[in-house]
Amino acid sequence: MTGRALDDDALRRALIPVDAPEPVRPRVRRRAAIAVVLRRGPEGDEIALMRRTERPGDPWSGDVCLPGGFVDADDASVLVAAVRETREELALDLGGAEPLGRLPTRPGPPWDRWTNFAVTPLVFRFSGDPTLTPEAGEVVSARWIPVARLRDPDAHEHFWWTFRPWRRVPLPLPFRMRRVVVDDYDVWGLTFDALETLWAALDRS
């Protein structure tokens, strides 16, 4: 499948400016940033995705996701945090990449009712053909995935996922979720949600 290159001007119009104020969320105790890194590839635009290391007690253990993590005290902004985390996790320097904008802060409804952290996805345009080098302690693998394959409806499916929003109440709630499977990369949850939000914004632009 061959996909056409995304229009960067359309991307800028569709995205929230990087320096726009973040929404106020009284419950939020920690903020995080993730990087949606785009580059031109042989099948059109591609996005950098990675698989996290499996670790006991880690809620994101083994997940396929975008590079990123929590904002440190010495990070001047979510943009700085996204650049730092991408460099640490994939040895990919976004210092020369163009930040095109950001997506709405996640998680959105109804998940924001039960979480005390917020994640800001930032979109970057990277020029060149960089190698993704996974950080041994955090990342198992990383690769560039064509946008066309991530958007392919034949690769999308539904599944049931259970979530326990209240620690003191052992009552898991079932949710019907969506995911996209590209080879052995199963993309779902917040990463899938961020990418779907990006596609929707592009389709409206």
N, C-alpha and C. Protein backbone atom coordinates (compact mmCIF):
# COMPACT_ATOMS: atom_id res chain seq x y z
N MET A 1 0.85 -1.18 0.00
CA MET A 1 0.00 0.00 0.00
C MET A 1 0.89 1.24 0.00
N THR A 2 0.63 2.17 -0.91
CA THR A 2 1.40 3.40 -0.99
C THR A 2 0.53 4.56 -0.56
N GLY A 3 1.02 5.38 0.33
CA GLY A 3 0.27 6.53 0.81
C GLY A 3 0.90 7.82 0.35
N ARG A 4 0.07 8.83 0.16
CA ARG A 4 0.59 10.13 -0.25
C ARG A 4 1.15 10.87 0.96
N ALA A 5 2.05 11.79 0.71
CA ALA A 5 2.64 12.57 1.79
C ALA A 5 1.60 13.52 2.37
N LEU A 6 1.66 13.71 3.67
CA LEU A 6 0.74 14.63 4.33
C LEU A 6 1.14 16.07 4.01
N ASP A 7 0.14 16.92 3.95
CA ASP A 7 0.34 18.35 3.68
C ASP A 7 0.68 19.04 5.00
N ASP A 8 1.90 19.54 5.13
CA ASP A 8 2.31 20.16 6.38
C ASP A 8 1.51 21.42 6.70
N ASP A 9 1.12 22.19 5.68
CA ASP A 9 0.29 23.37 5.93
C ASP A 9 -1.07 22.96 6.49
N ALA A 10 -1.63 21.87 5.95
CA ALA A 10 -2.91 21.36 6.48
C ALA A 10 -2.73 20.86 7.91
N LEU A 11 -1.58 20.25 8.17
CA LEU A 11 -1.30 19.79 9.53
C LEU A 11 -1.25 20.97 10.51
N ARG A 12 -0.57 22.03 10.14
CA ARG A 12 -0.48 23.19 11.02
C ARG A 12 -1.86 23.77 11.30
N ARG A 13 -2.69 23.83 10.26
CA ARG A 13 -4.05 24.37 10.46
C ARG A 13 -4.89 23.46 11.34
N ALA A 14 -4.66 22.16 11.24
CA ALA A 14 -5.49 21.20 11.98
C ALA A 14 -5.08 21.07 13.43
N LEU A 15 -3.83 21.42 13.74
CA LEU A 15 -3.30 21.21 15.08
C LEU A 15 -3.43 22.45 15.95
N ILE A 16 -3.34 22.26 17.26
CA ILE A 16 -3.30 23.36 18.22
C ILE A 16 -1.88 23.92 18.24
N PRO A 17 -1.71 25.24 18.24
CA PRO A 17 -0.35 25.79 18.31
C PRO A 17 0.39 25.27 19.55
N VAL A 18 1.69 25.03 19.38
CA VAL A 18 2.50 24.47 20.46
C VAL A 18 2.45 25.34 21.71
N ASP A 19 2.43 26.67 21.54
CA ASP A 19 2.47 27.57 22.69
C ASP A 19 1.09 27.95 23.21
N ALA A 20 0.02 27.32 22.71
CA ALA A 20 -1.32 27.61 23.21
C ALA A 20 -1.45 27.13 24.65
N PRO A 21 -2.22 27.84 25.48
CA PRO A 21 -2.37 27.43 26.90
C PRO A 21 -2.95 26.03 27.02
N GLU A 22 -2.44 25.29 27.99
CA GLU A 22 -2.96 23.96 28.29
C GLU A 22 -4.26 24.09 29.08
N PRO A 23 -5.21 23.16 28.91
CA PRO A 23 -6.43 23.22 29.70
C PRO A 23 -6.15 23.00 31.19
N VAL A 24 -6.95 23.64 32.02
CA VAL A 24 -6.81 23.48 33.46
C VAL A 24 -7.52 22.20 33.89
N ARG A 25 -6.79 21.32 34.58
CA ARG A 25 -7.35 20.08 35.09
C ARG A 25 -6.99 19.95 36.57
N PRO A 26 -7.94 20.26 37.46
CA PRO A 26 -7.63 20.27 38.89
C PRO A 26 -7.12 18.93 39.43
N ARG A 27 -7.54 17.82 38.83
CA ARG A 27 -7.13 16.51 39.34
C ARG A 27 -5.70 16.14 38.95
N VAL A 28 -5.17 16.82 37.96
CA VAL A 28 -3.87 16.43 37.41
C VAL A 28 -2.73 16.71 38.39
N ARG A 29 -1.96 15.68 38.69
CA ARG A 29 -0.78 15.81 39.55
C ARG A 29 0.52 15.74 38.75
N ARG A 30 0.49 15.04 37.62
CA ARG A 30 1.68 14.92 36.79
C ARG A 30 1.29 15.10 35.32
N ARG A 31 2.18 15.73 34.58
CA ARG A 31 1.98 15.91 33.14
C ARG A 31 3.02 15.11 32.37
N ALA A 32 2.63 14.68 31.21
CA ALA A 32 3.53 13.92 30.35
C ALA A 32 3.42 14.46 28.92
N ALA A 33 4.40 14.13 28.11
CA ALA A 33 4.42 14.56 26.71
C ALA A 33 4.82 13.38 25.84
N ILE A 34 4.19 13.24 24.69
CA ILE A 34 4.56 12.22 23.73
C ILE A 34 4.80 12.89 22.37
N ALA A 35 5.64 12.27 21.56
CA ALA A 35 6.04 12.85 20.28
C ALA A 35 5.50 12.01 19.12
N VAL A 36 4.72 12.66 18.27
CA VAL A 36 4.28 12.06 17.00
C VAL A 36 5.27 12.55 15.95
N VAL A 37 6.26 11.71 15.64
CA VAL A 37 7.34 12.12 14.74
C VAL A 37 7.06 11.59 13.33
N LEU A 38 6.91 12.51 12.40
CA LEU A 38 6.63 12.18 11.00
C LEU A 38 7.89 12.33 10.16
N ARG A 39 8.06 11.42 9.20
CA ARG A 39 9.12 11.57 8.21
C ARG A 39 8.59 11.04 6.88
N ARG A 40 9.23 11.44 5.79
CA ARG A 40 8.89 10.93 4.46
C ARG A 40 9.54 9.57 4.26
N GLY A 41 8.77 8.59 3.81
CA GLY A 41 9.29 7.26 3.57
C GLY A 41 8.88 6.75 2.20
N PRO A 42 9.31 5.56 1.83
CA PRO A 42 9.00 5.00 0.51
C PRO A 42 7.51 4.74 0.31
N GLU A 43 6.74 4.60 1.39
CA GLU A 43 5.30 4.38 1.29
C GLU A 43 4.51 5.62 1.72
N GLY A 44 5.12 6.79 1.58
CA GLY A 44 4.48 8.01 2.05
C GLY A 44 4.98 8.35 3.45
N ASP A 45 4.21 9.12 4.18
CA ASP A 45 4.63 9.51 5.51
C ASP A 45 4.67 8.32 6.46
N GLU A 46 5.61 8.37 7.42
CA GLU A 46 5.76 7.32 8.41
C GLU A 46 5.83 7.95 9.80
N ILE A 47 5.47 7.16 10.81
CA ILE A 47 5.50 7.61 12.20
C ILE A 47 6.38 6.66 13.01
N ALA A 48 7.17 7.22 13.92
CA ALA A 48 8.03 6.41 14.79
C ALA A 48 7.22 5.84 15.94
N LEU A 49 7.20 4.51 16.03
CA LEU A 49 6.55 3.81 17.14
C LEU A 49 7.56 2.88 17.79
N MET A 50 7.30 2.54 19.04
CA MET A 50 8.22 1.67 19.77
C MET A 50 7.43 0.74 20.69
N ARG A 51 8.10 -0.33 21.13
CA ARG A 51 7.50 -1.25 22.10
C ARG A 51 8.28 -1.16 23.41
N ARG A 52 7.55 -0.90 24.49
CA ARG A 52 8.19 -0.76 25.79
C ARG A 52 8.60 -2.11 26.36
N THR A 53 9.60 -2.08 27.21
CA THR A 53 10.07 -3.27 27.90
C THR A 53 9.00 -3.79 28.85
N GLU A 54 8.87 -5.10 28.96
CA GLU A 54 7.91 -5.69 29.90
C GLU A 54 8.52 -5.70 31.29
N ARG A 55 7.80 -5.06 32.23
CA ARG A 55 8.27 -4.96 33.61
C ARG A 55 7.10 -5.14 34.56
N PRO A 56 7.26 -5.97 35.59
CA PRO A 56 6.18 -6.16 36.57
C PRO A 56 5.78 -4.85 37.24
N GLY A 57 4.47 -4.63 37.36
CA GLY A 57 3.98 -3.44 38.02
C GLY A 57 3.89 -2.21 37.15
N ASP A 58 4.40 -2.29 35.93
CA ASP A 58 4.35 -1.15 35.01
C ASP A 58 3.05 -1.23 34.21
N PRO A 59 2.14 -0.23 34.33
CA PRO A 59 0.87 -0.29 33.61
C PRO A 59 1.03 -0.23 32.10
N TRP A 60 2.18 0.24 31.62
CA TRP A 60 2.42 0.32 30.17
C TRP A 60 3.41 -0.75 29.71
N SER A 61 3.60 -1.77 30.52
CA SER A 61 4.55 -2.83 30.22
C SER A 61 4.24 -3.50 28.88
N GLY A 62 5.23 -3.52 27.99
CA GLY A 62 5.09 -4.20 26.71
C GLY A 62 4.24 -3.49 25.68
N ASP A 63 3.72 -2.31 25.99
CA ASP A 63 2.83 -1.61 25.06
C ASP A 63 3.59 -1.06 23.85
N VAL A 64 2.91 -1.01 22.72
CA VAL A 64 3.41 -0.28 21.55
C VAL A 64 2.92 1.16 21.70
N CYS A 65 3.82 2.11 21.56
CA CYS A 65 3.44 3.49 21.86
C CYS A 65 4.33 4.48 21.11
N LEU A 66 4.01 5.74 21.28
CA LEU A 66 4.83 6.84 20.80
C LEU A 66 5.90 7.15 21.85
N PRO A 67 7.06 7.66 21.46
CA PRO A 67 8.07 8.01 22.46
C PRO A 67 7.56 9.15 23.35
N GLY A 68 7.95 9.11 24.63
CA GLY A 68 7.53 10.17 25.54
C GLY A 68 7.54 9.70 26.97
N GLY A 69 7.18 10.60 27.86
CA GLY A 69 7.16 10.28 29.28
C GLY A 69 6.78 11.50 30.10
N PHE A 70 6.93 11.38 31.41
CA PHE A 70 6.53 12.45 32.31
C PHE A 70 7.45 13.67 32.18
N VAL A 71 6.86 14.84 32.40
CA VAL A 71 7.60 16.09 32.37
C VAL A 71 8.40 16.21 33.67
N ASP A 72 9.73 16.39 33.55
CA ASP A 72 10.59 16.54 34.71
C ASP A 72 10.53 17.98 35.25
N ALA A 73 10.95 18.15 36.48
CA ALA A 73 10.90 19.47 37.11
C ALA A 73 11.73 20.50 36.36
N ASP A 74 12.83 20.07 35.72
CA ASP A 74 13.68 21.01 35.01
C ASP A 74 13.34 21.13 33.53
N ASP A 75 12.24 20.51 33.08
CA ASP A 75 11.77 20.70 31.71
C ASP A 75 10.98 22.01 31.64
N ALA A 76 11.37 22.89 30.73
CA ALA A 76 10.72 24.20 30.64
C ALA A 76 9.30 24.11 30.09
N SER A 77 8.97 23.03 29.38
CA SER A 77 7.65 22.91 28.76
C SER A 77 7.43 21.46 28.35
N VAL A 78 6.21 21.17 27.91
CA VAL A 78 5.92 19.84 27.39
C VAL A 78 6.71 19.59 26.10
N LEU A 79 6.97 20.64 25.34
CA LEU A 79 7.77 20.50 24.12
C LEU A 79 9.18 20.03 24.47
N VAL A 80 9.79 20.65 25.47
CA VAL A 80 11.14 20.26 25.91
C VAL A 80 11.13 18.81 26.40
N ALA A 81 10.08 18.43 27.13
CA ALA A 81 9.99 17.07 27.64
C ALA A 81 9.88 16.06 26.51
N ALA A 82 9.07 16.36 25.49
CA ALA A 82 8.91 15.45 24.36
C ALA A 82 10.23 15.26 23.61
N VAL A 83 10.98 16.33 23.42
CA VAL A 83 12.28 16.26 22.74
C VAL A 83 13.25 15.44 23.57
N ARG A 84 13.28 15.70 24.88
CA ARG A 84 14.21 14.96 25.76
C ARG A 84 13.90 13.48 25.79
N GLU A 85 12.62 13.14 25.98
CA GLU A 85 12.24 11.73 26.07
C GLU A 85 12.52 10.98 24.76
N THR A 86 12.29 11.62 23.64
CA THR A 86 12.55 10.97 22.35
C THR A 86 14.04 10.71 22.16
N ARG A 87 14.85 11.65 22.61
CA ARG A 87 16.31 11.46 22.54
C ARG A 87 16.75 10.33 23.47
N GLU A 88 16.19 10.28 24.68
CA GLU A 88 16.59 9.26 25.64
C GLU A 88 16.13 7.87 25.21
N GLU A 89 14.93 7.76 24.69
CA GLU A 89 14.35 6.45 24.39
C GLU A 89 14.77 5.90 23.03
N LEU A 90 14.97 6.78 22.04
CA LEU A 90 15.24 6.31 20.68
C LEU A 90 16.53 6.88 20.09
N ALA A 91 17.28 7.66 20.86
CA ALA A 91 18.48 8.33 20.37
C ALA A 91 18.17 9.16 19.12
N LEU A 92 16.97 9.71 19.09
CA LEU A 92 16.52 10.54 17.97
C LEU A 92 16.46 11.99 18.43
N ASP A 93 17.27 12.84 17.84
CA ASP A 93 17.37 14.24 18.25
C ASP A 93 16.36 15.08 17.46
N LEU A 94 15.36 15.59 18.15
CA LEU A 94 14.34 16.42 17.50
C LEU A 94 14.69 17.90 17.56
N GLY A 95 15.92 18.22 17.97
CA GLY A 95 16.31 19.62 18.08
C GLY A 95 16.17 20.37 16.77
N GLY A 96 16.41 19.68 15.64
CA GLY A 96 16.30 20.33 14.35
C GLY A 96 15.00 20.04 13.63
N ALA A 97 14.11 19.29 14.27
CA ALA A 97 12.82 18.97 13.66
C ALA A 97 11.84 20.13 13.87
N GLU A 98 10.87 20.24 12.97
CA GLU A 98 9.89 21.31 13.09
C GLU A 98 8.69 20.84 13.90
N PRO A 99 8.37 21.50 15.03
CA PRO A 99 7.14 21.17 15.75
C PRO A 99 5.95 21.80 15.03
N LEU A 100 5.06 20.97 14.48
CA LEU A 100 3.94 21.47 13.68
C LEU A 100 2.76 21.90 14.55
N GLY A 101 2.69 21.40 15.78
CA GLY A 101 1.58 21.74 16.66
C GLY A 101 1.36 20.59 17.63
N ARG A 102 0.25 20.69 18.36
CA ARG A 102 -0.08 19.62 19.30
C ARG A 102 -1.52 19.19 19.16
N LEU A 103 -1.80 18.01 19.69
CA LEU A 103 -3.15 17.47 19.72
C LEU A 103 -3.78 17.77 21.08
N PRO A 104 -5.10 17.61 21.20
CA PRO A 104 -5.73 17.85 22.50
C PRO A 104 -5.13 16.97 23.59
N THR A 105 -5.07 17.52 24.79
CA THR A 105 -4.52 16.80 25.93
C THR A 105 -5.34 15.55 26.20
N ARG A 106 -4.64 14.47 26.46
CA ARG A 106 -5.26 13.18 26.75
C ARG A 106 -5.00 12.81 28.20
N PRO A 107 -5.72 11.88 28.81
CA PRO A 107 -6.86 11.21 28.22
C PRO A 107 -8.10 12.11 28.21
N GLY A 108 -8.99 11.82 27.25
CA GLY A 108 -10.23 12.56 27.16
C GLY A 108 -11.34 11.81 27.88
N PRO A 109 -12.57 12.32 27.79
CA PRO A 109 -13.70 11.65 28.43
C PRO A 109 -13.88 10.24 27.89
N PRO A 110 -14.26 9.24 28.69
CA PRO A 110 -14.54 9.36 30.13
C PRO A 110 -13.33 9.11 31.02
N TRP A 111 -12.18 8.81 30.37
CA TRP A 111 -11.01 8.38 31.16
C TRP A 111 -10.49 9.47 32.08
N ASP A 112 -10.65 10.74 31.72
CA ASP A 112 -10.12 11.81 32.55
C ASP A 112 -10.80 11.90 33.91
N ARG A 113 -11.94 11.23 34.07
CA ARG A 113 -12.62 11.21 35.37
C ARG A 113 -11.86 10.38 36.40
N TRP A 114 -10.98 9.48 35.93
CA TRP A 114 -10.34 8.54 36.83
C TRP A 114 -8.81 8.66 36.85
N THR A 115 -8.27 9.61 36.14
CA THR A 115 -6.82 9.72 36.07
C THR A 115 -6.34 11.02 36.71
N ASN A 116 -5.13 11.00 37.25
CA ASN A 116 -4.54 12.20 37.84
C ASN A 116 -3.31 12.66 37.06
N PHE A 117 -3.21 12.22 35.80
CA PHE A 117 -2.13 12.69 34.93
C PHE A 117 -2.72 13.10 33.58
N ALA A 118 -1.99 13.92 32.86
CA ALA A 118 -2.43 14.39 31.54
C ALA A 118 -1.27 14.26 30.56
N VAL A 119 -1.59 13.90 29.34
CA VAL A 119 -0.58 13.66 28.31
C VAL A 119 -0.82 14.61 27.13
N THR A 120 0.22 15.32 26.74
CA THR A 120 0.13 16.23 25.60
C THR A 120 0.88 15.63 24.41
N PRO A 121 0.20 15.28 23.31
CA PRO A 121 0.89 14.79 22.12
C PRO A 121 1.34 15.96 21.24
N LEU A 122 2.61 15.99 20.89
CA LEU A 122 3.17 17.02 20.02
C LEU A 122 3.60 16.38 18.71
N VAL A 123 3.33 17.08 17.60
CA VAL A 123 3.59 16.54 16.27
C VAL A 123 4.81 17.24 15.67
N PHE A 124 5.77 16.44 15.19
CA PHE A 124 7.01 16.96 14.63
C PHE A 124 7.19 16.47 13.19
N ARG A 125 7.78 17.31 12.36
CA ARG A 125 8.21 16.91 11.02
C ARG A 125 9.72 16.76 11.04
N PHE A 126 10.19 15.53 10.76
CA PHE A 126 11.62 15.23 10.78
C PHE A 126 12.09 15.01 9.35
N SER A 127 13.19 15.64 8.98
CA SER A 127 13.76 15.48 7.66
C SER A 127 14.94 14.51 7.74
N GLY A 128 15.03 13.63 6.75
CA GLY A 128 16.14 12.69 6.72
C GLY A 128 15.69 11.27 6.97
N ASP A 129 16.69 10.40 7.12
CA ASP A 129 16.44 8.97 7.28
C ASP A 129 17.17 8.49 8.53
N PRO A 130 16.69 8.87 9.71
CA PRO A 130 17.41 8.55 10.94
C PRO A 130 17.21 7.10 11.37
N THR A 131 18.18 6.60 12.09
CA THR A 131 18.07 5.27 12.69
C THR A 131 17.47 5.41 14.09
N LEU A 132 16.52 4.54 14.40
CA LEU A 132 15.94 4.52 15.73
C LEU A 132 16.72 3.51 16.58
N THR A 133 17.31 3.98 17.65
CA THR A 133 18.12 3.13 18.51
C THR A 133 17.45 3.00 19.88
N PRO A 134 16.78 1.88 20.16
CA PRO A 134 16.06 1.73 21.43
C PRO A 134 16.99 1.79 22.64
N GLU A 135 16.54 2.48 23.68
CA GLU A 135 17.27 2.52 24.95
C GLU A 135 17.05 1.19 25.66
N ALA A 136 18.11 0.50 25.99
CA ALA A 136 18.04 -0.90 26.41
C ALA A 136 17.13 -1.13 27.61
N GLY A 137 17.10 -0.22 28.56
CA GLY A 137 16.30 -0.46 29.76
C GLY A 137 14.83 -0.14 29.61
N GLU A 138 14.46 0.63 28.57
CA GLU A 138 13.09 1.11 28.45
C GLU A 138 12.36 0.56 27.23
N VAL A 139 13.10 0.29 26.17
CA VAL A 139 12.48 0.01 24.87
C VAL A 139 13.04 -1.28 24.29
N VAL A 140 12.14 -2.15 23.83
CA VAL A 140 12.54 -3.42 23.22
C VAL A 140 12.84 -3.26 21.74
N SER A 141 11.97 -2.52 21.04
CA SER A 141 12.14 -2.34 19.60
C SER A 141 11.50 -1.02 19.18
N ALA A 142 11.87 -0.55 17.99
CA ALA A 142 11.30 0.68 17.44
C ALA A 142 11.37 0.60 15.93
N ARG A 143 10.41 1.22 15.28
CA ARG A 143 10.40 1.21 13.81
C ARG A 143 9.54 2.34 13.27
N TRP A 144 9.75 2.64 11.99
CA TRP A 144 8.92 3.61 11.28
C TRP A 144 7.75 2.85 10.64
N ILE A 145 6.52 3.26 10.96
CA ILE A 145 5.32 2.62 10.45
C ILE A 145 4.63 3.56 9.47
N PRO A 146 4.34 3.12 8.23
CA PRO A 146 3.65 4.00 7.28
C PRO A 146 2.28 4.43 7.79
N VAL A 147 1.97 5.70 7.62
CA VAL A 147 0.66 6.23 8.01
C VAL A 147 -0.45 5.47 7.28
N ALA A 148 -0.21 5.13 6.02
CA ALA A 148 -1.23 4.43 5.24
C ALA A 148 -1.61 3.11 5.89
N ARG A 149 -0.66 2.42 6.49
CA ARG A 149 -0.95 1.14 7.13
C ARG A 149 -1.67 1.36 8.46
N LEU A 150 -1.32 2.42 9.17
CA LEU A 150 -2.00 2.72 10.43
C LEU A 150 -3.45 3.13 10.19
N ARG A 151 -3.73 3.72 9.03
CA ARG A 151 -5.08 4.17 8.71
C ARG A 151 -5.89 3.13 7.93
N ASP A 152 -5.26 2.04 7.56
CA ASP A 152 -5.92 1.01 6.75
C ASP A 152 -7.09 0.41 7.54
N PRO A 153 -8.34 0.57 7.08
CA PRO A 153 -9.48 0.03 7.83
C PRO A 153 -9.44 -1.49 7.98
N ASP A 154 -8.78 -2.19 7.06
CA ASP A 154 -8.69 -3.65 7.15
C ASP A 154 -7.80 -4.09 8.31
N ALA A 155 -6.97 -3.18 8.80
CA ALA A 155 -6.08 -3.51 9.92
C ALA A 155 -6.69 -3.13 11.27
N HIS A 156 -7.88 -2.53 11.25
CA HIS A 156 -8.53 -2.10 12.49
C HIS A 156 -9.48 -3.18 12.97
N GLU A 157 -9.60 -3.30 14.28
CA GLU A 157 -10.51 -4.27 14.87
C GLU A 157 -10.97 -3.80 16.25
N HIS A 158 -12.05 -4.42 16.74
CA HIS A 158 -12.56 -4.13 18.08
C HIS A 158 -12.17 -5.26 19.03
N PHE A 159 -12.05 -4.92 20.32
CA PHE A 159 -11.80 -5.94 21.34
C PHE A 159 -12.34 -5.42 22.67
N TRP A 160 -12.52 -6.34 23.60
CA TRP A 160 -13.00 -5.97 24.93
C TRP A 160 -11.83 -5.84 25.89
N TRP A 161 -11.85 -4.77 26.67
CA TRP A 161 -10.81 -4.50 27.65
C TRP A 161 -11.48 -4.15 28.97
N THR A 162 -10.96 -4.67 30.08
CA THR A 162 -11.54 -4.39 31.39
C THR A 162 -10.67 -3.40 32.16
N PHE A 163 -11.34 -2.52 32.86
CA PHE A 163 -10.66 -1.45 33.57
C PHE A 163 -11.29 -1.31 34.95
N ARG A 164 -10.43 -1.19 35.98
CA ARG A 164 -10.93 -1.01 37.35
C ARG A 164 -10.64 0.41 37.80
N PRO A 165 -11.63 1.31 37.71
CA PRO A 165 -11.38 2.73 38.00
C PRO A 165 -11.26 3.05 39.48
N TRP A 166 -11.79 2.21 40.35
CA TRP A 166 -11.75 2.48 41.79
C TRP A 166 -10.95 1.38 42.49
N ARG A 167 -9.86 1.74 43.16
CA ARG A 167 -8.99 0.76 43.78
C ARG A 167 -9.69 -0.02 44.89
N ARG A 168 -10.55 0.65 45.63
CA ARG A 168 -11.19 0.00 46.76
C ARG A 168 -12.41 -0.85 46.35
N VAL A 169 -12.82 -0.71 45.11
CA VAL A 169 -13.97 -1.48 44.63
C VAL A 169 -13.49 -2.45 43.56
N PRO A 170 -13.42 -3.73 43.86
CA PRO A 170 -12.90 -4.71 42.90
C PRO A 170 -13.92 -5.04 41.81
N LEU A 171 -14.34 -4.00 41.08
CA LEU A 171 -15.35 -4.18 40.04
C LEU A 171 -14.80 -3.69 38.71
N PRO A 172 -14.23 -4.58 37.90
CA PRO A 172 -13.71 -4.15 36.60
C PRO A 172 -14.84 -3.84 35.63
N LEU A 173 -14.68 -2.76 34.89
CA LEU A 173 -15.69 -2.35 33.91
C LEU A 173 -15.22 -2.75 32.51
N PRO A 174 -16.08 -3.39 31.72
CA PRO A 174 -15.69 -3.76 30.36
C PRO A 174 -15.91 -2.58 29.39
N PHE A 175 -14.94 -2.37 28.53
CA PHE A 175 -15.04 -1.34 27.50
C PHE A 175 -14.74 -1.97 26.15
N ARG A 176 -15.52 -1.60 25.14
CA ARG A 176 -15.26 -2.06 23.78
C ARG A 176 -14.29 -1.07 23.15
N MET A 177 -13.09 -1.54 22.85
CA MET A 177 -12.01 -0.68 22.38
C MET A 177 -11.69 -0.99 20.92
N ARG A 178 -10.93 -0.06 20.32
CA ARG A 178 -10.45 -0.25 18.95
C ARG A 178 -8.93 -0.29 18.96
N ARG A 179 -8.38 -0.98 17.96
CA ARG A 179 -6.95 -1.03 17.81
C ARG A 179 -6.61 -1.23 16.34
N VAL A 180 -5.35 -1.01 16.00
CA VAL A 180 -4.85 -1.30 14.67
C VAL A 180 -3.62 -2.19 14.83
N VAL A 181 -3.57 -3.24 14.03
CA VAL A 181 -2.47 -4.21 14.10
C VAL A 181 -1.67 -4.13 12.81
N VAL A 182 -0.40 -3.76 12.94
CA VAL A 182 0.52 -3.68 11.79
C VAL A 182 1.65 -4.65 12.06
N ASP A 183 1.66 -5.77 11.33
CA ASP A 183 2.62 -6.84 11.59
C ASP A 183 2.48 -7.27 13.05
N ASP A 184 3.56 -7.18 13.85
CA ASP A 184 3.47 -7.59 15.26
C ASP A 184 3.26 -6.40 16.20
N TYR A 185 2.97 -5.23 15.65
CA TYR A 185 2.73 -4.04 16.47
C TYR A 185 1.22 -3.84 16.64
N ASP A 186 0.75 -3.99 17.88
CA ASP A 186 -0.65 -3.84 18.24
C ASP A 186 -0.81 -2.47 18.90
N VAL A 187 -1.44 -1.54 18.19
CA VAL A 187 -1.55 -0.16 18.66
C VAL A 187 -2.96 0.07 19.17
N TRP A 188 -3.07 0.42 20.46
CA TRP A 188 -4.38 0.65 21.04
C TRP A 188 -4.24 1.67 22.17
N GLY A 189 -5.31 1.89 22.91
CA GLY A 189 -5.26 2.77 24.06
C GLY A 189 -4.97 4.21 23.71
N LEU A 190 -4.16 4.87 24.54
CA LEU A 190 -3.90 6.29 24.36
C LEU A 190 -3.19 6.57 23.04
N THR A 191 -2.29 5.68 22.63
CA THR A 191 -1.57 5.89 21.36
C THR A 191 -2.53 5.84 20.19
N PHE A 192 -3.40 4.83 20.15
CA PHE A 192 -4.40 4.74 19.09
C PHE A 192 -5.31 5.96 19.10
N ASP A 193 -5.70 6.40 20.30
CA ASP A 193 -6.59 7.55 20.43
C ASP A 193 -5.92 8.82 19.90
N ALA A 194 -4.65 9.01 20.22
CA ALA A 194 -3.94 10.20 19.73
C ALA A 194 -3.85 10.19 18.21
N LEU A 195 -3.53 9.04 17.63
CA LEU A 195 -3.41 8.95 16.18
C LEU A 195 -4.77 9.14 15.49
N GLU A 196 -5.82 8.56 16.05
CA GLU A 196 -7.16 8.75 15.49
C GLU A 196 -7.57 10.22 15.55
N THR A 197 -7.19 10.91 16.60
CA THR A 197 -7.49 12.34 16.70
C THR A 197 -6.75 13.12 15.63
N LEU A 198 -5.52 12.71 15.34
CA LEU A 198 -4.75 13.34 14.27
C LEU A 198 -5.41 13.12 12.92
N TRP A 199 -5.82 11.87 12.63
CA TRP A 199 -6.48 11.61 11.34
C TRP A 199 -7.76 12.42 11.21
N ALA A 200 -8.56 12.49 12.26
CA ALA A 200 -9.82 13.21 12.23
C ALA A 200 -9.58 14.70 11.96
N ALA A 201 -8.55 15.26 12.62
CA ALA A 201 -8.22 16.66 12.40
C ALA A 201 -7.80 16.91 10.97
N LEU A 202 -7.02 16.00 10.41
CA LEU A 202 -6.59 16.14 9.02
C LEU A 202 -7.76 16.06 8.06
N ASP A 203 -8.68 15.15 8.33
CA ASP A 203 -9.83 14.98 7.44
C ASP A 203 -10.74 16.20 7.46
N ARG A 204 -10.71 16.97 8.55
CA ARG A 204 -11.54 18.17 8.64
C ARG A 204 -10.85 19.39 8.05
N SER A 205 -9.54 19.31 7.83
CA SER A 205 -8.80 20.49 7.38
C SER A 205 -8.97 20.71 5.89
